Structures are given as structure tokens and as C-alpha cells.
């Protein structure tokens, strides 16, 4: 298993408090078969969170799949959330993240 922050496609960012989010993080291009490893934090624990690819246009046939949603909580109360985005399509495309908390 690839550790977040060790892969050249790993992305980390700190988020302000929000219920849902779109267009968050740097634009990241995935060619067919590539994976991006993302992690994000609010500076505190925000309960269950879900993130997926915010796919951009033009799209050359990319199909982005989010999986391995996970959470780490530090002793200081900070939680960091992780997700992997895979391109299962026949072409490439840029994406960043969208998602939010569960209700």
C-alpha cells in the first residue's frame, strides 16, 4: 500500500470549515490507469467525510473512481482524511476534489 505523501501524485491541503466542497485542491491530470493519492484536513475532527473526483472538461474519455476512503485522528484531535482517485477510462483528464460530510 502506498503511503500518502510518498507518491509523486500525492496531494495534501488544509480546508476551512465547510459542509460540502467542490473544486478543492490543485488540478491533477490522470492518464489512463494512473492514480492520485489525496489527503486533506480541517484542523479538527469533522466526522465521516466523503471525497470524489471533481472531473474537469475537456475530458478525453477519463472515468475517475474514488476508493480507499480513510481517516486518521491524531492525539491532538486533528483528523486527516485520505482518498485515492483512479482513472479507469480510455483517455486522460484533469480533476481535483469534491465531497463533504455525511448526514
PDB file of N, CA and C in Angstrom:
ATOM      1  N   UNK A   1       0.845  -1.188   0.000  1.00  0.00           N
ATOM      2  CA  UNK A   1       0.000   0.000   0.000  1.00  0.00           C
ATOM      3  C   UNK A   1       0.881   1.239   0.000  1.00  0.00           C
ATOM      4  N   UNK A   2       0.598   2.175  -0.859  1.00  0.00           N
ATOM      5  CA  UNK A   2       1.335   3.426  -0.955  1.00  0.00           C
ATOM      6  C   UNK A   2       0.963   4.333   0.205  1.00  0.00           C
ATOM      7  N   UNK A   3       1.948   4.881   0.867  1.00  0.00           N
ATOM      8  CA  UNK A   3       1.670   5.802   1.965  1.00  0.00           C
ATOM      9  C   UNK A   3       1.423   7.194   1.422  1.00  0.00           C
ATOM     10  N   UNK A   4       0.347   7.888   1.884  1.00  0.00           N
ATOM     11  CA  UNK A   4       0.084   9.251   1.413  1.00  0.00           C
ATOM     12  C   UNK A   4       1.300  10.138   1.653  1.00  0.00           C
ATOM     13  N   UNK A   5       1.579  10.974   0.698  1.00  0.00           N
ATOM     14  CA  UNK A   5       2.702  11.889   0.808  1.00  0.00           C
ATOM     15  C   UNK A   5       4.002  11.325   0.268  1.00  0.00           C
ATOM     16  N   UNK A   6       4.029  10.037  -0.117  1.00  0.00           N
ATOM     17  CA  UNK A   6       5.251   9.432  -0.619  1.00  0.00           C
ATOM     18  C   UNK A   6       5.215   9.235  -2.134  1.00  0.00           C
ATOM     19  N   UNK A   7       4.090   9.423  -2.730  1.00  0.00           N
ATOM     20  CA  UNK A   7       3.910   9.200  -4.157  1.00  0.00           C
ATOM     21  C   UNK A   7       3.956  10.543  -4.883  1.00  0.00           C
ATOM     22  N   UNK A   8       4.539  10.605  -6.087  1.00  0.00           N
ATOM     23  CA  UNK A   8       4.600  11.893  -6.801  1.00  0.00           C
ATOM     24  C   UNK A   8       3.222  12.479  -7.103  1.00  0.00           C
ATOM     25  N   UNK A   9       2.166  11.674  -7.076  1.00  0.00           N
ATOM     26  CA  UNK A   9       0.828  12.191  -7.318  1.00  0.00           C
ATOM     27  C   UNK A   9       0.083  12.426  -6.005  1.00  0.00           C
ATOM     28  N   UNK A  10       0.774  12.394  -4.882  1.00  0.00           N
ATOM     29  CA  UNK A  10       0.121  12.646  -3.584  1.00  0.00           C
ATOM     30  C   UNK A  10      -0.161  14.137  -3.445  1.00  0.00           C
ATOM     31  N   UNK A  11      -1.338  14.462  -2.947  1.00  0.00           N
ATOM     32  CA  UNK A  11      -1.759  15.848  -2.777  1.00  0.00           C
ATOM     33  C   UNK A  11      -2.291  16.023  -1.367  1.00  0.00           C
ATOM     34  N   UNK A  12      -1.867  17.076  -0.666  1.00  0.00           N
ATOM     35  CA  UNK A  12      -2.386  17.376   0.670  1.00  0.00           C
ATOM     36  C   UNK A  12      -2.754  18.846   0.736  1.00  0.00           C
ATOM     37  N   UNK A  13      -3.843  19.138   1.428  1.00  0.00           N
ATOM     38  CA  UNK A  13      -4.215  20.522   1.642  1.00  0.00           C
ATOM     39  C   UNK A  13      -5.066  20.640   2.886  1.00  0.00           C
ATOM     40  N   UNK A  14      -5.079  21.845   3.455  1.00  0.00           N
ATOM     41  CA  UNK A  14      -5.851  22.155   4.651  1.00  0.00           C
ATOM     42  C   UNK A  14      -7.117  22.876   4.210  1.00  0.00           C
ATOM     43  N   UNK A  15      -8.262  22.443   4.722  1.00  0.00           N
ATOM     44  CA  UNK A  15      -9.541  23.022   4.314  1.00  0.00           C
ATOM     45  C   UNK A  15     -10.160  23.831   5.442  1.00  0.00           C
ATOM     46  N   UNK A  16     -10.846  24.901   5.076  1.00  0.00           N
ATOM     47  CA  UNK A  16     -11.625  25.660   6.033  1.00  0.00           C
ATOM     48  C   UNK A  16     -12.903  24.890   6.330  1.00  0.00           C
ATOM     49  N   UNK A  17     -13.570  25.254   7.435  1.00  0.00           N
ATOM     50  CA  UNK A  17     -14.810  24.563   7.792  1.00  0.00           C
ATOM     51  C   UNK A  17     -15.863  24.767   6.709  1.00  0.00           C
ATOM     52  N   UNK A  18     -16.467  23.658   6.287  1.00  0.00           N
ATOM     53  CA  UNK A  18     -17.491  23.690   5.252  1.00  0.00           C
ATOM     54  C   UNK A  18     -18.306  22.408   5.330  1.00  0.00           C
ATOM     55  N   UNK A  19     -19.551  22.455   4.883  1.00  0.00           N
ATOM     56  CA  UNK A  19     -20.392  21.263   4.875  1.00  0.00           C
ATOM     57  C   UNK A  19     -20.119  20.407   3.637  1.00  0.00           C
ATOM     58  N   UNK A  20     -19.984  21.052   2.492  1.00  0.00           N
ATOM     59  CA  UNK A  20     -19.697  20.357   1.242  1.00  0.00           C
ATOM     60  C   UNK A  20     -18.668  21.188   0.483  1.00  0.00           C
ATOM     61  N   UNK A  21     -17.968  20.549  -0.435  1.00  0.00           N
ATOM     62  CA  UNK A  21     -16.939  21.284  -1.169  1.00  0.00           C
ATOM     63  C   UNK A  21     -16.871  20.808  -2.616  1.00  0.00           C
ATOM     64  N   UNK A  22     -16.499  21.728  -3.489  1.00  0.00           N
ATOM     65  CA  UNK A  22     -16.264  21.479  -4.904  1.00  0.00           C
ATOM     66  C   UNK A  22     -15.000  22.225  -5.308  1.00  0.00           C
ATOM     67  N   UNK A  23     -14.317  21.731  -6.341  1.00  0.00           N
ATOM     68  CA  UNK A  23     -13.182  22.430  -6.927  1.00  0.00           C
ATOM     69  C   UNK A  23     -12.102  22.737  -5.880  1.00  0.00           C
ATOM     70  N   UNK A  24     -11.772  21.742  -5.060  1.00  0.00           N
ATOM     71  CA  UNK A  24     -10.798  21.932  -3.981  1.00  0.00           C
ATOM     72  C   UNK A  24      -9.496  21.226  -4.327  1.00  0.00           C
ATOM     73  N   UNK A  25      -8.393  21.903  -4.108  1.00  0.00           N
ATOM     74  CA  UNK A  25      -7.068  21.342  -4.335  1.00  0.00           C
ATOM     75  C   UNK A  25      -6.555  21.646  -5.721  1.00  0.00           C
ATOM     76  N   UNK A  26      -5.288  21.309  -5.961  1.00  0.00           N
ATOM     77  CA  UNK A  26      -4.670  21.598  -7.257  1.00  0.00           C
ATOM     78  C   UNK A  26      -5.245  20.709  -8.360  1.00  0.00           C
ATOM     79  N   UNK A  27      -5.325  21.255  -9.570  1.00  0.00           N
ATOM     80  CA  UNK A  27      -5.743  20.433 -10.708  1.00  0.00           C
ATOM     81  C   UNK A  27      -4.683  19.370 -10.952  1.00  0.00           C
ATOM     82  N   UNK A  28      -5.139  18.133 -11.108  1.00  0.00           N
ATOM     83  CA  UNK A  28      -4.244  16.987 -11.251  1.00  0.00           C
ATOM     84  C   UNK A  28      -4.675  16.187 -12.466  1.00  0.00           C
ATOM     85  N   UNK A  29      -3.742  15.943 -13.388  1.00  0.00           N
ATOM     86  CA  UNK A  29      -4.040  15.176 -14.599  1.00  0.00           C
ATOM     87  C   UNK A  29      -3.759  13.707 -14.355  1.00  0.00           C
ATOM     88  N   UNK A  30      -4.715  12.857 -14.726  1.00  0.00           N
ATOM     89  CA  UNK A  30      -4.519  11.408 -14.677  1.00  0.00           C
ATOM     90  C   UNK A  30      -4.674  10.835 -16.079  1.00  0.00           C
ATOM     91  N   UNK A  31      -3.631  10.175 -16.547  1.00  0.00           N
ATOM     92  CA  UNK A  31      -3.705   9.412 -17.791  1.00  0.00           C
ATOM     93  C   UNK A  31      -4.399   8.088 -17.480  1.00  0.00           C
ATOM     94  N   UNK A  32      -4.832   7.347 -18.495  1.00  0.00           N
ATOM     95  CA  UNK A  32      -5.472   6.056 -18.246  1.00  0.00           C
ATOM     96  C   UNK A  32      -4.608   5.163 -17.357  1.00  0.00           C
ATOM     97  N   UNK A  33      -5.222   4.575 -16.329  1.00  0.00           N
ATOM     98  CA  UNK A  33      -4.529   3.668 -15.432  1.00  0.00           C
ATOM     99  C   UNK A  33      -3.782   4.330 -14.288  1.00  0.00           C
ATOM    100  N   UNK A  34      -3.686   5.656 -14.283  1.00  0.00           N
ATOM    101  CA  UNK A  34      -2.966   6.328 -13.203  1.00  0.00           C
ATOM    102  C   UNK A  34      -3.851   6.567 -11.986  1.00  0.00           C
ATOM    103  N   UNK A  35      -3.196   6.775 -10.837  1.00  0.00           N
ATOM    104  CA  UNK A  35      -3.866   7.012  -9.566  1.00  0.00           C
ATOM    105  C   UNK A  35      -3.272   8.231  -8.886  1.00  0.00           C
ATOM    106  N   UNK A  36      -4.123   9.041  -8.283  1.00  0.00           N
ATOM    107  CA  UNK A  36      -3.687  10.159  -7.435  1.00  0.00           C
ATOM    108  C   UNK A  36      -4.052   9.828  -5.999  1.00  0.00           C
ATOM    109  N   UNK A  37      -3.141  10.111  -5.083  1.00  0.00           N
ATOM    110  CA  UNK A  37      -3.330   9.848  -3.654  1.00  0.00           C
ATOM    111  C   UNK A  37      -3.538  11.188  -2.963  1.00  0.00           C
ATOM    112  N   UNK A  38      -4.743  11.413  -2.439  1.00  0.00           N
ATOM    113  CA  UNK A  38      -5.112  12.685  -1.820  1.00  0.00           C
ATOM    114  C   UNK A  38      -5.263  12.538  -0.310  1.00  0.00           C
ATOM    115  N   UNK A  39      -4.942  13.612   0.416  1.00  0.00           N
ATOM    116  CA  UNK A  39      -5.325  13.708   1.823  1.00  0.00           C
ATOM    117  C   UNK A  39      -5.625  15.161   2.138  1.00  0.00           C
ATOM    118  N   UNK A  40      -6.565  15.366   3.060  1.00  0.00           N
ATOM    119  CA  UNK A  40      -6.996  16.715   3.424  1.00  0.00           C
ATOM    120  C   UNK A  40      -7.372  16.750   4.892  1.00  0.00           C
ATOM    121  N   UNK A  41      -7.318  17.956   5.456  1.00  0.00           N
ATOM    122  CA  UNK A  41      -7.582  18.124   6.879  1.00  0.00           C
ATOM    123  C   UNK A  41      -8.316  19.436   7.109  1.00  0.00           C
ATOM    124  N   UNK A  42      -9.149  19.463   8.149  1.00  0.00           N
ATOM    125  CA  UNK A  42      -9.838  20.673   8.568  1.00  0.00           C
ATOM    126  C   UNK A  42      -9.188  21.303   9.795  1.00  0.00           C
ATOM    127  N   UNK A  43      -8.235  20.638  10.413  1.00  0.00           N
ATOM    128  CA  UNK A  43      -7.649  21.110  11.654  1.00  0.00           C
ATOM    129  C   UNK A  43      -8.375  20.593  12.884  1.00  0.00           C
ATOM    130  N   UNK A  44      -9.433  19.823  12.682  1.00  0.00           N
ATOM    131  CA  UNK A  44     -10.176  19.182  13.763  1.00  0.00           C
ATOM    132  C   UNK A  44     -10.911  17.982  13.171  1.00  0.00           C
ATOM    133  N   UNK A  45     -11.640  17.263  13.989  1.00  0.00           N
ATOM    134  CA  UNK A  45     -12.382  16.093  13.535  1.00  0.00           C
ATOM    135  C   UNK A  45     -13.758  16.528  13.043  1.00  0.00           C
ATOM    136  N   UNK A  46     -14.074  16.250  11.794  1.00  0.00           N
ATOM    137  CA  UNK A  46     -15.365  16.603  11.202  1.00  0.00           C
ATOM    138  C   UNK A  46     -16.228  15.387  10.925  1.00  0.00           C
ATOM    139  N   UNK A  47     -16.006  14.308  11.662  1.00  0.00           N
ATOM    140  CA  UNK A  47     -16.827  13.115  11.493  1.00  0.00           C
ATOM    141  C   UNK A  47     -16.560  12.448  10.160  1.00  0.00           C
ATOM    142  N   UNK A  48     -17.537  11.684   9.709  1.00  0.00           N
ATOM    143  CA  UNK A  48     -17.406  10.966   8.438  1.00  0.00           C
ATOM    144  C   UNK A  48     -17.400  11.946   7.277  1.00  0.00           C
ATOM    145  N   UNK A  49     -16.434  11.806   6.387  1.00  0.00           N
ATOM    146  CA  UNK A  49     -16.318  12.639   5.196  1.00  0.00           C
ATOM    147  C   UNK A  49     -16.209  11.734   3.967  1.00  0.00           C
ATOM    148  N   UNK A  50     -16.661  12.238   2.826  1.00  0.00           N
ATOM    149  CA  UNK A  50     -16.559  11.525   1.562  1.00  0.00           C
ATOM    150  C   UNK A  50     -15.980  12.478   0.529  1.00  0.00           C
ATOM    151  N   UNK A  51     -15.048  12.015  -0.262  1.00  0.00           N
ATOM    152  CA  UNK A  51     -14.478  12.828  -1.340  1.00  0.00           C
ATOM    153  C   UNK A  51     -14.464  12.015  -2.625  1.00  0.00           C
ATOM    154  N   UNK A  52     -14.666  12.705  -3.741  1.00  0.00           N
ATOM    155  CA  UNK A  52     -14.594  12.079  -5.054  1.00  0.00           C
ATOM    156  C   UNK A  52     -13.914  13.049  -6.011  1.00  0.00           C
ATOM    157  N   UNK A  53     -13.705  12.596  -7.237  1.00  0.00           N
ATOM    158  CA  UNK A  53     -13.067  13.442  -8.238  1.00  0.00           C
ATOM    159  C   UNK A  53     -14.044  14.493  -8.745  1.00  0.00           C
ATOM    160  N   UNK A  54     -13.608  15.744  -8.760  1.00  0.00           N
ATOM    161  CA  UNK A  54     -14.344  16.815  -9.430  1.00  0.00           C
ATOM    162  C   UNK A  54     -13.742  16.890 -10.831  1.00  0.00           C
ATOM    163  N   UNK A  55     -14.290  16.090 -11.754  1.00  0.00           N
ATOM    164  CA  UNK A  55     -13.743  15.918 -13.102  1.00  0.00           C
ATOM    165  C   UNK A  55     -13.957  17.189 -13.915  1.00  0.00           C
ATOM    166  N   UNK A  56     -12.913  17.612 -14.621  1.00  0.00           N
ATOM    167  CA  UNK A  56     -12.940  18.841 -15.417  1.00  0.00           C
ATOM    168  C   UNK A  56     -13.087  18.515 -16.907  1.00  0.00           C
ATOM    169  N   UNK A  57     -13.462  19.522 -17.656  1.00  0.00           N
ATOM    170  CA  UNK A  57     -13.513  19.399 -19.111  1.00  0.00           C
ATOM    171  C   UNK A  57     -12.409  20.276 -19.699  1.00  0.00           C
ATOM    172  N   UNK A  58     -11.864  19.913 -20.855  1.00  0.00           N
ATOM    173  CA  UNK A  58     -12.284  18.791 -21.690  1.00  0.00           C
ATOM    174  C   UNK A  58     -11.852  17.455 -21.094  1.00  0.00           C
ATOM    175  N   UNK A  59     -12.670  16.457 -21.328  1.00  0.00           N
ATOM    176  CA  UNK A  59     -12.408  15.100 -20.862  1.00  0.00           C
ATOM    177  C   UNK A  59     -12.142  14.240 -22.086  1.00  0.00           C
ATOM    178  N   UNK A  60     -10.989  13.576 -22.115  1.00  0.00           N
ATOM    179  CA  UNK A  60     -10.580  12.753 -23.259  1.00  0.00           C
ATOM    180  C   UNK A  60     -11.018  11.300 -23.125  1.00  0.00           C
ATOM    181  N   UNK A  61     -12.028  11.043 -22.280  1.00  0.00           N
ATOM    182  CA  UNK A  61     -12.524   9.684 -22.083  1.00  0.00           C
ATOM    183  C   UNK A  61     -12.200   9.114 -20.710  1.00  0.00           C
ATOM    184  N   UNK A  62     -11.812   9.987 -19.778  1.00  0.00           N
ATOM    185  CA  UNK A  62     -11.469   9.532 -18.428  1.00  0.00           C
ATOM    186  C   UNK A  62     -12.726   9.157 -17.642  1.00  0.00           C
ATOM    187  N   UNK A  63     -12.581   8.161 -16.785  1.00  0.00           N
ATOM    188  CA  UNK A  63     -13.609   7.771 -15.814  1.00  0.00           C
ATOM    189  C   UNK A  63     -12.883   7.645 -14.482  1.00  0.00           C
ATOM    190  N   UNK A  64     -13.147   8.594 -13.586  1.00  0.00           N
ATOM    191  CA  UNK A  64     -12.440   8.612 -12.306  1.00  0.00           C
ATOM    192  C   UNK A  64     -13.237   7.870 -11.233  1.00  0.00           C
ATOM    193  N   UNK A  65     -12.540   7.019 -10.487  1.00  0.00           N
ATOM    194  CA  UNK A  65     -13.153   6.266  -9.399  1.00  0.00           C
ATOM    195  C   UNK A  65     -12.438   6.623  -8.092  1.00  0.00           C
ATOM    196  N   UNK A  66     -13.232   6.943  -7.061  1.00  0.00           N
ATOM    197  CA  UNK A  66     -12.682   7.197  -5.724  1.00  0.00           C
ATOM    198  C   UNK A  66     -12.808   5.928  -4.895  1.00  0.00           C
ATOM    199  N   UNK A  67     -11.736   5.575  -4.186  1.00  0.00           N
ATOM    200  CA  UNK A  67     -11.809   4.438  -3.270  1.00  0.00           C
ATOM    201  C   UNK A  67     -10.804   4.622  -2.137  1.00  0.00           C
ATOM    202  N   UNK A  68     -10.773   3.649  -1.261  1.00  0.00           N
ATOM    203  CA  UNK A  68      -9.905   3.653  -0.090  1.00  0.00           C
ATOM    204  C   UNK A  68     -10.070   4.930   0.744  1.00  0.00           C
ATOM    205  N   UNK A  69     -11.324   5.305   0.982  1.00  0.00           N
ATOM    206  CA  UNK A  69     -11.619   6.429   1.874  1.00  0.00           C
ATOM    207  C   UNK A  69     -11.166   6.031   3.275  1.00  0.00           C
ATOM    208  N   UNK A  70     -10.383   6.876   3.914  1.00  0.00           N
ATOM    209  CA  UNK A  70      -9.906   6.548   5.246  1.00  0.00           C
ATOM    210  C   UNK A  70      -9.683   7.803   6.077  1.00  0.00           C
ATOM    211  N   UNK A  71      -9.468   7.601   7.367  1.00  0.00           N
ATOM    212  CA  UNK A  71      -9.349   8.713   8.307  1.00  0.00           C
ATOM    213  C   UNK A  71      -8.313   8.365   9.361  1.00  0.00           C
ATOM    214  N   UNK A  72      -7.486   9.362   9.696  1.00  0.00           N
ATOM    215  CA  UNK A  72      -6.538   9.224  10.795  1.00  0.00           C
ATOM    216  C   UNK A  72      -6.817  10.337  11.794  1.00  0.00           C
ATOM    217  N   UNK A  73      -6.916   9.997  13.057  1.00  0.00           N
ATOM    218  CA  UNK A  73      -7.135  11.014  14.095  1.00  0.00           C
ATOM    219  C   UNK A  73      -5.922  11.034  15.017  1.00  0.00           C
ATOM    220  N   UNK A  74      -5.314  12.214  15.129  1.00  0.00           N
ATOM    221  CA  UNK A  74      -4.144  12.393  15.977  1.00  0.00           C
ATOM    222  C   UNK A  74      -4.558  12.637  17.420  1.00  0.00           C
ATOM    223  N   UNK A  75      -3.608  12.466  18.336  1.00  0.00           N
ATOM    224  CA  UNK A  75      -3.885  12.667  19.758  1.00  0.00           C
ATOM    225  C   UNK A  75      -4.297  14.103  20.083  1.00  0.00           C
ATOM    226  N   UNK A  76      -3.939  15.064  19.238  1.00  0.00           N
ATOM    227  CA  UNK A  76      -4.325  16.460  19.468  1.00  0.00           C
ATOM    228  C   UNK A  76      -5.735  16.768  18.956  1.00  0.00           C
ATOM    229  N   UNK A  77      -6.444  15.759  18.434  1.00  0.00           N
ATOM    230  CA  UNK A  77      -7.815  15.939  17.950  1.00  0.00           C
ATOM    231  C   UNK A  77      -7.927  16.212  16.468  1.00  0.00           C
ATOM    232  N   UNK A  78      -6.806  16.494  15.786  1.00  0.00           N
ATOM    233  CA  UNK A  78      -6.838  16.753  14.356  1.00  0.00           C
ATOM    234  C   UNK A  78      -7.106  15.456  13.598  1.00  0.00           C
ATOM    235  N   UNK A  79      -7.982  15.520  12.614  1.00  0.00           N
ATOM    236  CA  UNK A  79      -8.260  14.374  11.753  1.00  0.00           C
ATOM    237  C   UNK A  79      -7.790  14.682  10.335  1.00  0.00           C
ATOM    238  N   UNK A  80      -7.194  13.695   9.699  1.00  0.00           N
ATOM    239  CA  UNK A  80      -6.798  13.803   8.300  1.00  0.00           C
ATOM    240  C   UNK A  80      -7.546  12.720   7.535  1.00  0.00           C
ATOM    241  N   UNK A  81      -8.106  13.103   6.398  1.00  0.00           N
ATOM    242  CA  UNK A  81      -8.896  12.212   5.558  1.00  0.00           C
ATOM    243  C   UNK A  81      -8.110  11.884   4.296  1.00  0.00           C
ATOM    244  N   UNK A  82      -8.249  10.652   3.807  1.00  0.00           N
ATOM    245  CA  UNK A  82      -7.495  10.168   2.660  1.00  0.00           C
ATOM    246  C   UNK A  82      -8.442   9.557   1.628  1.00  0.00           C
ATOM    247  N   UNK A  83      -8.105   9.712   0.353  1.00  0.00           N
ATOM    248  CA  UNK A  83      -8.856   9.072  -0.730  1.00  0.00           C
ATOM    249  C   UNK A  83      -7.915   8.881  -1.916  1.00  0.00           C
ATOM    250  N   UNK A  84      -8.092   7.790  -2.624  1.00  0.00           N
ATOM    251  CA  UNK A  84      -7.357   7.544  -3.871  1.00  0.00           C
ATOM    252  C   UNK A  84      -8.319   7.730  -5.033  1.00  0.00           C
ATOM    253  N   UNK A  85      -7.834   8.389  -6.087  1.00  0.00           N
ATOM    254  CA  UNK A  85      -8.620   8.594  -7.310  1.00  0.00           C
ATOM    255  C   UNK A  85      -7.914   7.866  -8.441  1.00  0.00           C
ATOM    256  N   UNK A  86      -8.622   6.944  -9.097  1.00  0.00           N
ATOM    257  CA  UNK A  86      -8.078   6.145 -10.198  1.00  0.00           C
ATOM    258  C   UNK A  86      -8.787   6.533 -11.496  1.00  0.00           C
ATOM    259  N   UNK A  87      -8.018   6.616 -12.582  1.00  0.00           N
ATOM    260  CA  UNK A  87      -8.614   6.822 -13.904  1.00  0.00           C
ATOM    261  C   UNK A  87      -8.778   5.467 -14.567  1.00  0.00           C
ATOM    262  N   UNK A  88     -10.025   5.039 -14.716  1.00  0.00           N
ATOM    263  CA  UNK A  88     -10.328   3.759 -15.347  1.00  0.00           C
ATOM    264  C   UNK A  88     -10.764   3.917 -16.802  1.00  0.00           C
ATOM    265  N   UNK A  89     -10.694   5.144 -17.321  1.00  0.00           N
ATOM    266  CA  UNK A  89     -11.149   5.397 -18.684  1.00  0.00           C
ATOM    267  C   UNK A  89     -10.069   5.172 -19.728  1.00  0.00           C
ATOM    268  N   UNK A  90     -10.441   5.483 -20.973  1.00  0.00           N
ATOM    269  CA  UNK A  90      -9.544   5.279 -22.111  1.00  0.00           C
ATOM    270  C   UNK A  90      -8.705   6.508 -22.433  1.00  0.00           C
ATOM    271  N   UNK A  91      -9.005   7.648 -21.800  1.00  0.00           N
ATOM    272  CA  UNK A  91      -8.276   8.887 -22.042  1.00  0.00           C
ATOM    273  C   UNK A  91      -7.986   9.597 -20.734  1.00  0.00           C
ATOM    274  N   UNK A  92      -7.284  10.709 -20.829  1.00  0.00           N
ATOM    275  CA  UNK A  92      -6.893  11.467 -19.653  1.00  0.00           C
ATOM    276  C   UNK A  92      -7.819  12.634 -19.359  1.00  0.00           C
ATOM    277  N   UNK A  93      -7.649  13.198 -18.160  1.00  0.00           N
ATOM    278  CA  UNK A  93      -8.469  14.326 -17.749  1.00  0.00           C
ATOM    279  C   UNK A  93      -7.892  14.921 -16.464  1.00  0.00           C
ATOM    280  N   UNK A  94      -8.144  16.226 -16.273  1.00  0.00           N
ATOM    281  CA  UNK A  94      -7.797  16.888 -15.018  1.00  0.00           C
ATOM    282  C   UNK A  94      -8.934  16.716 -14.016  1.00  0.00           C
ATOM    283  N   UNK A  95      -8.579  16.727 -12.746  1.00  0.00           N
ATOM    284  CA  UNK A  95      -9.576  16.693 -11.672  1.00  0.00           C
ATOM    285  C   UNK A  95      -8.970  17.344 -10.436  1.00  0.00           C
ATOM    286  N   UNK A  96      -9.822  17.699  -9.499  1.00  0.00           N
ATOM    287  CA  UNK A  96      -9.436  17.948  -8.116  1.00  0.00           C
ATOM    288  C   UNK A  96     -10.525  17.298  -7.285  1.00  0.00           C
ATOM    289  N   UNK A  97     -10.814  17.784  -6.077  1.00  0.00           N
ATOM    290  CA  UNK A  97     -11.762  17.069  -5.214  1.00  0.00           C
ATOM    291  C   UNK A  97     -13.079  17.802  -5.017  1.00  0.00           C
ATOM    292  N   UNK A  98     -14.120  17.008  -4.773  1.00  0.00           N
ATOM    293  CA  UNK A  98     -15.421  17.480  -4.302  1.00  0.00           C
ATOM    294  C   UNK A  98     -15.924  16.458  -3.310  1.00  0.00           C
ATOM    295  N   UNK A  99     -16.770  16.907  -2.402  1.00  0.00           N
ATOM    296  CA  UNK A  99     -17.314  15.971  -1.406  1.00  0.00           C
ATOM    297  C   UNK A  99     -17.896  16.708  -0.233  1.00  0.00           C
ATOM    298  N   UNK A 100     -17.878  16.078   0.917  1.00  0.00           N
ATOM    299  CA  UNK A 100     -18.408  16.681   2.122  1.00  0.00           C
ATOM    300  C   UNK A 100     -18.760  15.628   3.162  1.00  0.00           C
ATOM    301  N   UNK A 101     -19.406  16.087   4.214  1.00  0.00           N
ATOM    302  CA  UNK A 101     -19.774  15.219   5.308  1.00  0.00           C
ATOM    303  C   UNK A 101     -21.047  14.434   5.029  1.00  0.00           C
ATOM    304  N   UNK A 102     -21.206  13.360   5.740  1.00  0.00           N
ATOM    305  CA  UNK A 102     -22.404  12.521   5.614  1.00  0.00           C
ATOM    306  C   UNK A 102     -23.467  13.035   6.576  1.00  0.00           C
ATOM    307  N   UNK A 103     -24.710  12.904   6.200  1.00  0.00           N
ATOM    308  CA  UNK A 103     -25.785  13.308   7.119  1.00  0.00           C
ATOM    309  C   UNK A 103     -26.847  12.240   7.192  1.00  0.00           C
TER     310      UNK A 103
END
